[in-house]
Amino acid sequence: MGEKTGWSYIEIPIELSEKLKPGYKQSFRVKGKLDKFEIAGIALIPMGEGHFIMAMNADLRKGVGKRAGAELQVQIQVDDNPDPVSSPEFMECLSDEPDALTFFNTLPKGHRNYFMKWIESAKTPGTKAKRIAMAVTGLARKMGYSEMIRANKNVG
């Protein structure tokens, strides 16, 4: 767990990152297994000097079923073709708001995926519709994902 961030993460030492992508210093995606839990399209985040971390979000932590500090068998390889996340309803709504769509298209692919994964993870149609509306409104105001979430933290 990160001291300042509160995140749970796996440290990827330079010895392993160099085997995956020699000399590479930017974020990249991996696939494989954490113990027996299959993963794909997971970002490794650079921490400097060739070291990386893999953030363990709630879905990964639940899938692995271990707490922070537990030992974990990690088998990963580069995922050069992660499955794109798609939200047809979201893209249809964005097409009706040219400013929001233009800003959305300037965001890096990973940031666009934050929006789509959040929308697609909604458990009810009502929640999905609310998330689409929040996302389109935030994007029209040139807000990234985290800014939009913070701006709507106390809303409904």
C-alpha atoms as a PDB file:
ATOM      1  CA  MET A   1       0.000   0.000   0.000  1.00  0.00           C
ATOM      2  CA  GLY A   2       1.297   3.426  -0.890  1.00  0.00           C
ATOM      3  CA  GLU A   3       2.214   5.611   2.072  1.00  0.00           C
ATOM      4  CA  LYS A   4       0.846   8.812   0.553  1.00  0.00           C
ATOM      5  CA  THR A   5      -1.721   7.526  -1.946  1.00  0.00           C
ATOM      6  CA  GLY A   6      -3.455   4.810   0.064  1.00  0.00           C
ATOM      7  CA  TRP A   7      -3.374   2.648  -3.075  1.00  0.00           C
ATOM      8  CA  SER A   8      -2.675  -1.045  -2.989  1.00  0.00           C
ATOM      9  CA  TYR A   9      -0.165  -1.975  -5.641  1.00  0.00           C
ATOM     10  CA  ILE A  10       2.378  -4.528  -6.784  1.00  0.00           C
ATOM     11  CA  GLU A  11       5.937  -3.333  -7.302  1.00  0.00           C
ATOM     12  CA  ILE A  12       7.466  -4.407 -10.617  1.00  0.00           C
ATOM     13  CA  PRO A  13      11.248  -4.269 -10.223  1.00  0.00           C
ATOM     14  CA  ILE A  14      13.513  -3.073 -13.023  1.00  0.00           C
ATOM     15  CA  GLU A  15      14.747  -6.641 -13.597  1.00  0.00           C
ATOM     16  CA  LEU A  16      11.229  -7.706 -14.625  1.00  0.00           C
ATOM     17  CA  SER A  17      10.268  -4.523 -16.490  1.00  0.00           C
ATOM     18  CA  GLU A  18      13.444  -4.813 -18.578  1.00  0.00           C
ATOM     19  CA  LYS A  19      12.428  -8.354 -19.589  1.00  0.00           C
ATOM     20  CA  LEU A  20       8.946  -7.129 -20.558  1.00  0.00           C
ATOM     21  CA  LYS A  21       9.909  -3.930 -22.448  1.00  0.00           C
ATOM     22  CA  PRO A  22      13.654  -3.245 -22.430  1.00  0.00           C
ATOM     23  CA  GLY A  23      14.490   0.442 -21.997  1.00  0.00           C
ATOM     24  CA  TYR A  24      10.817   1.445 -21.864  1.00  0.00           C
ATOM     25  CA  LYS A  25       9.987   4.220 -19.375  1.00  0.00           C
ATOM     26  CA  GLN A  26       6.283   4.909 -20.085  1.00  0.00           C
ATOM     27  CA  SER A  27       3.109   3.204 -18.904  1.00  0.00           C
ATOM     28  CA  PHE A  28       2.181   0.043 -20.807  1.00  0.00           C
ATOM     29  CA  ARG A  29      -0.411  -2.725 -20.564  1.00  0.00           C
ATOM     30  CA  VAL A  30       0.110  -6.293 -19.410  1.00  0.00           C
ATOM     31  CA  LYS A  31      -1.891  -9.506 -19.230  1.00  0.00           C
ATOM     32  CA  GLY A  32      -1.428 -12.740 -17.336  1.00  0.00           C
ATOM     33  CA  LYS A  33      -2.319 -14.079 -13.898  1.00  0.00           C
ATOM     34  CA  LEU A  34      -2.205 -12.893 -10.308  1.00  0.00           C
ATOM     35  CA  ASP A  35      -2.224 -16.234  -8.517  1.00  0.00           C
ATOM     36  CA  LYS A  36      -5.024 -17.920 -10.547  1.00  0.00           C
ATOM     37  CA  PHE A  37      -6.920 -14.692 -11.353  1.00  0.00           C
ATOM     38  CA  GLU A  38      -6.673 -13.827 -15.074  1.00  0.00           C
ATOM     39  CA  ILE A  39      -5.875 -10.209 -15.958  1.00  0.00           C
ATOM     40  CA  ALA A  40      -5.648  -8.324 -19.247  1.00  0.00           C
ATOM     41  CA  GLY A  41      -5.168  -4.719 -20.283  1.00  0.00           C
ATOM     42  CA  ILE A  42      -3.767  -3.728 -16.875  1.00  0.00           C
ATOM     43  CA  ALA A  43      -1.479  -0.686 -16.866  1.00  0.00           C
ATOM     44  CA  LEU A  44       1.982  -0.705 -15.347  1.00  0.00           C
ATOM     45  CA  ILE A  45       2.759   2.794 -14.090  1.00  0.00           C
ATOM     46  CA  PRO A  46       6.360   4.070 -14.262  1.00  0.00           C
ATOM     47  CA  MET A  47       7.931   5.052 -10.949  1.00  0.00           C
ATOM     48  CA  GLY A  48      11.313   6.144 -12.278  1.00  0.00           C
ATOM     49  CA  GLU A  49      14.601   4.486 -13.157  1.00  0.00           C
ATOM     50  CA  GLY A  50      12.855   1.505 -14.784  1.00  0.00           C
ATOM     51  CA  HIS A  51      10.692   0.549 -11.814  1.00  0.00           C
ATOM     52  CA  PHE A  52       6.912   0.200 -12.256  1.00  0.00           C
ATOM     53  CA  ILE A  53       3.838  -0.472 -10.142  1.00  0.00           C
ATOM     54  CA  MET A  54       0.567  -2.217 -10.914  1.00  0.00           C
ATOM     55  CA  ALA A  55      -2.268  -0.516  -9.057  1.00  0.00           C
ATOM     56  CA  MET A  56      -4.638  -3.000  -7.426  1.00  0.00           C
ATOM     57  CA  ASN A  57      -8.142  -1.544  -7.789  1.00  0.00           C
ATOM     58  CA  ALA A  58     -11.134  -3.043  -5.964  1.00  0.00           C
ATOM     59  CA  ASP A  59     -11.910  -5.478  -8.813  1.00  0.00           C
ATOM     60  CA  LEU A  60      -8.369  -6.858  -8.812  1.00  0.00           C
ATOM     61  CA  ARG A  61      -8.260  -7.099  -5.014  1.00  0.00           C
ATOM     62  CA  LYS A  62     -11.589  -8.969  -4.951  1.00  0.00           C
ATOM     63  CA  GLY A  63     -10.499 -11.248  -7.792  1.00  0.00           C
ATOM     64  CA  VAL A  64      -7.251 -12.162  -6.070  1.00  0.00           C
ATOM     65  CA  GLY A  65      -8.879 -12.373  -2.649  1.00  0.00           C
ATOM     66  CA  LYS A  66      -5.856 -11.219  -0.658  1.00  0.00           C
ATOM     67  CA  ARG A  67      -5.163  -8.301   1.624  1.00  0.00           C
ATOM     68  CA  ALA A  68      -2.380  -5.729   1.382  1.00  0.00           C
ATOM     69  CA  GLY A  69       1.008  -7.236   2.195  1.00  0.00           C
ATOM     70  CA  ALA A  70       0.009 -10.788   1.214  1.00  0.00           C
ATOM     71  CA  GLU A  71       2.267 -12.809  -1.054  1.00  0.00           C
ATOM     72  CA  LEU A  72       1.071 -13.106  -4.636  1.00  0.00           C
ATOM     73  CA  GLN A  73       2.326 -15.124  -7.603  1.00  0.00           C
ATOM     74  CA  VAL A  74       2.589 -12.747 -10.577  1.00  0.00           C
ATOM     75  CA  GLN A  75       2.817 -14.042 -14.160  1.00  0.00           C
ATOM     76  CA  ILE A  76       2.647 -11.206 -16.690  1.00  0.00           C
ATOM     77  CA  GLN A  77       3.528 -10.440 -20.285  1.00  0.00           C
ATOM     78  CA  VAL A  78       3.054  -7.380 -22.496  1.00  0.00           C
ATOM     79  CA  ASP A  79      -0.526  -6.926 -23.721  1.00  0.00           C
ATOM     80  CA  ASP A  80      -0.041  -5.180 -27.069  1.00  0.00           C
ATOM     81  CA  ASN A  81      -3.694  -5.509 -27.996  1.00  0.00           C
ATOM     82  CA  PRO A  82      -5.854  -4.877 -24.934  1.00  0.00           C
ATOM     83  CA  ASP A  83      -9.564  -5.196 -25.606  1.00  0.00           C
ATOM     84  CA  PRO A  84     -10.978  -1.724 -26.106  1.00  0.00           C
ATOM     85  CA  VAL A  85     -13.730  -0.788 -23.721  1.00  0.00           C
ATOM     86  CA  SER A  86     -16.831   0.263 -25.567  1.00  0.00           C
ATOM     87  CA  SER A  87     -19.967   2.082 -24.508  1.00  0.00           C
ATOM     88  CA  PRO A  88     -22.201   2.604 -27.553  1.00  0.00           C
ATOM     89  CA  GLU A  89     -24.782   4.628 -25.582  1.00  0.00           C
ATOM     90  CA  PHE A  90     -22.082   6.939 -24.245  1.00  0.00           C
ATOM     91  CA  MET A  91     -20.559   7.455 -27.691  1.00  0.00           C
ATOM     92  CA  GLU A  92     -24.016   8.175 -29.143  1.00  0.00           C
ATOM     93  CA  CYS A  93     -24.641  10.839 -26.468  1.00  0.00           C
ATOM     94  CA  LEU A  94     -21.178  12.317 -27.031  1.00  0.00           C
ATOM     95  CA  SER A  95     -21.893  12.627 -30.745  1.00  0.00           C
ATOM     96  CA  ASP A  96     -24.774  14.979 -29.835  1.00  0.00           C
ATOM     97  CA  GLU A  97     -22.331  17.247 -27.938  1.00  0.00           C
ATOM     98  CA  PRO A  98     -19.502  18.213 -30.332  1.00  0.00           C
ATOM     99  CA  ASP A  99     -17.481  20.132 -27.709  1.00  0.00           C
ATOM    100  CA  ALA A 100     -17.586  17.177 -25.314  1.00  0.00           C
ATOM    101  CA  LEU A 101     -16.651  14.729 -28.100  1.00  0.00           C
ATOM    102  CA  THR A 102     -13.785  16.921 -29.274  1.00  0.00           C
ATOM    103  CA  PHE A 103     -12.351  17.145 -25.748  1.00  0.00           C
ATOM    104  CA  PHE A 104     -12.903  13.398 -25.161  1.00  0.00           C
ATOM    105  CA  ASN A 105     -10.911  12.606 -28.315  1.00  0.00           C
ATOM    106  CA  THR A 106      -7.955  14.692 -27.052  1.00  0.00           C
ATOM    107  CA  LEU A 107      -7.636  12.472 -23.963  1.00  0.00           C
ATOM    108  CA  PRO A 108      -5.172   9.564 -23.949  1.00  0.00           C
ATOM    109  CA  LYS A 109      -6.781   6.169 -24.609  1.00  0.00           C
ATOM    110  CA  GLY A 110      -6.379   5.119 -20.979  1.00  0.00           C
ATOM    111  CA  HIS A 111      -8.212   8.221 -19.772  1.00  0.00           C
ATOM    112  CA  ARG A 112     -11.029   7.640 -22.256  1.00  0.00           C
ATOM    113  CA  ASN A 113     -11.261   4.093 -20.896  1.00  0.00           C
ATOM    114  CA  TYR A 114     -11.737   5.427 -17.339  1.00  0.00           C
ATOM    115  CA  PHE A 115     -14.974   7.015 -18.482  1.00  0.00           C
ATOM    116  CA  MET A 116     -16.149   3.964 -20.414  1.00  0.00           C
ATOM    117  CA  LYS A 117     -15.304   1.415 -17.719  1.00  0.00           C
ATOM    118  CA  TRP A 118     -17.065   3.540 -15.095  1.00  0.00           C
ATOM    119  CA  ILE A 119     -20.166   3.849 -17.272  1.00  0.00           C
ATOM    120  CA  GLU A 120     -20.214   0.164 -18.250  1.00  0.00           C
ATOM    121  CA  SER A 121     -19.760  -0.954 -14.620  1.00  0.00           C
ATOM    122  CA  ALA A 122     -23.142   0.549 -13.659  1.00  0.00           C
ATOM    123  CA  LYS A 123     -25.424  -2.162 -12.280  1.00  0.00           C
ATOM    124  CA  THR A 124     -28.739  -0.572 -13.325  1.00  0.00           C
ATOM    125  CA  PRO A 125     -29.894   1.287 -16.461  1.00  0.00           C
ATOM    126  CA  GLY A 126     -30.704   4.311 -14.299  1.00  0.00           C
ATOM    127  CA  THR A 127     -27.209   4.476 -12.874  1.00  0.00           C
ATOM    128  CA  LYS A 128     -25.742   4.036 -16.350  1.00  0.00           C
ATOM    129  CA  ALA A 129     -27.860   6.920 -17.707  1.00  0.00           C
ATOM    130  CA  LYS A 130     -26.848   9.144 -14.780  1.00  0.00           C
ATOM    131  CA  ARG A 131     -23.158   8.351 -15.366  1.00  0.00           C
ATOM    132  CA  ILE A 132     -23.443   9.079 -19.089  1.00  0.00           C
ATOM    133  CA  ALA A 133     -25.046  12.448 -18.345  1.00  0.00           C
ATOM    134  CA  MET A 134     -22.351  13.296 -15.777  1.00  0.00           C
ATOM    135  CA  ALA A 135     -19.581  12.280 -18.178  1.00  0.00           C
ATOM    136  CA  VAL A 136     -20.935  14.253 -21.147  1.00  0.00           C
ATOM    137  CA  THR A 137     -21.479  17.331 -18.955  1.00  0.00           C
ATOM    138  CA  GLY A 138     -17.989  17.045 -17.455  1.00  0.00           C
ATOM    139  CA  LEU A 139     -16.353  16.573 -20.849  1.00  0.00           C
ATOM    140  CA  ALA A 140     -18.235  19.571 -22.261  1.00  0.00           C
ATOM    141  CA  ARG A 141     -16.644  21.534 -19.394  1.00  0.00           C
ATOM    142  CA  LYS A 142     -13.231  20.102 -20.382  1.00  0.00           C
ATOM    143  CA  MET A 143     -12.941  17.974 -17.238  1.00  0.00           C
ATOM    144  CA  GLY A 144     -10.961  14.763 -17.132  1.00  0.00           C
ATOM    145  CA  TYR A 145     -12.349  11.714 -15.332  1.00  0.00           C
ATOM    146  CA  SER A 146     -10.996  12.481 -11.849  1.00  0.00           C
ATOM    147  CA  GLU A 147     -12.013  16.155 -12.074  1.00  0.00           C
ATOM    148  CA  MET A 148     -15.535  15.145 -13.101  1.00  0.00           C
ATOM    149  CA  ILE A 149     -15.801  12.636 -10.247  1.00  0.00           C
ATOM    150  CA  ARG A 150     -14.597  15.224  -7.690  1.00  0.00           C
ATOM    151  CA  ALA A 151     -16.993  17.876  -9.050  1.00  0.00           C
ATOM    152  CA  ASN A 152     -19.920  15.463  -8.642  1.00  0.00           C
ATOM    153  CA  LYS A 153     -18.865  13.877  -5.344  1.00  0.00           C
ATOM    154  CA  ASN A 154     -21.786  15.289  -3.364  1.00  0.00           C
ATOM    155  CA  VAL A 155     -24.356  15.146  -6.172  1.00  0.00           C
ATOM    156  CA  GLY A 156     -27.365  12.810  -5.807  1.00  0.00           C
END
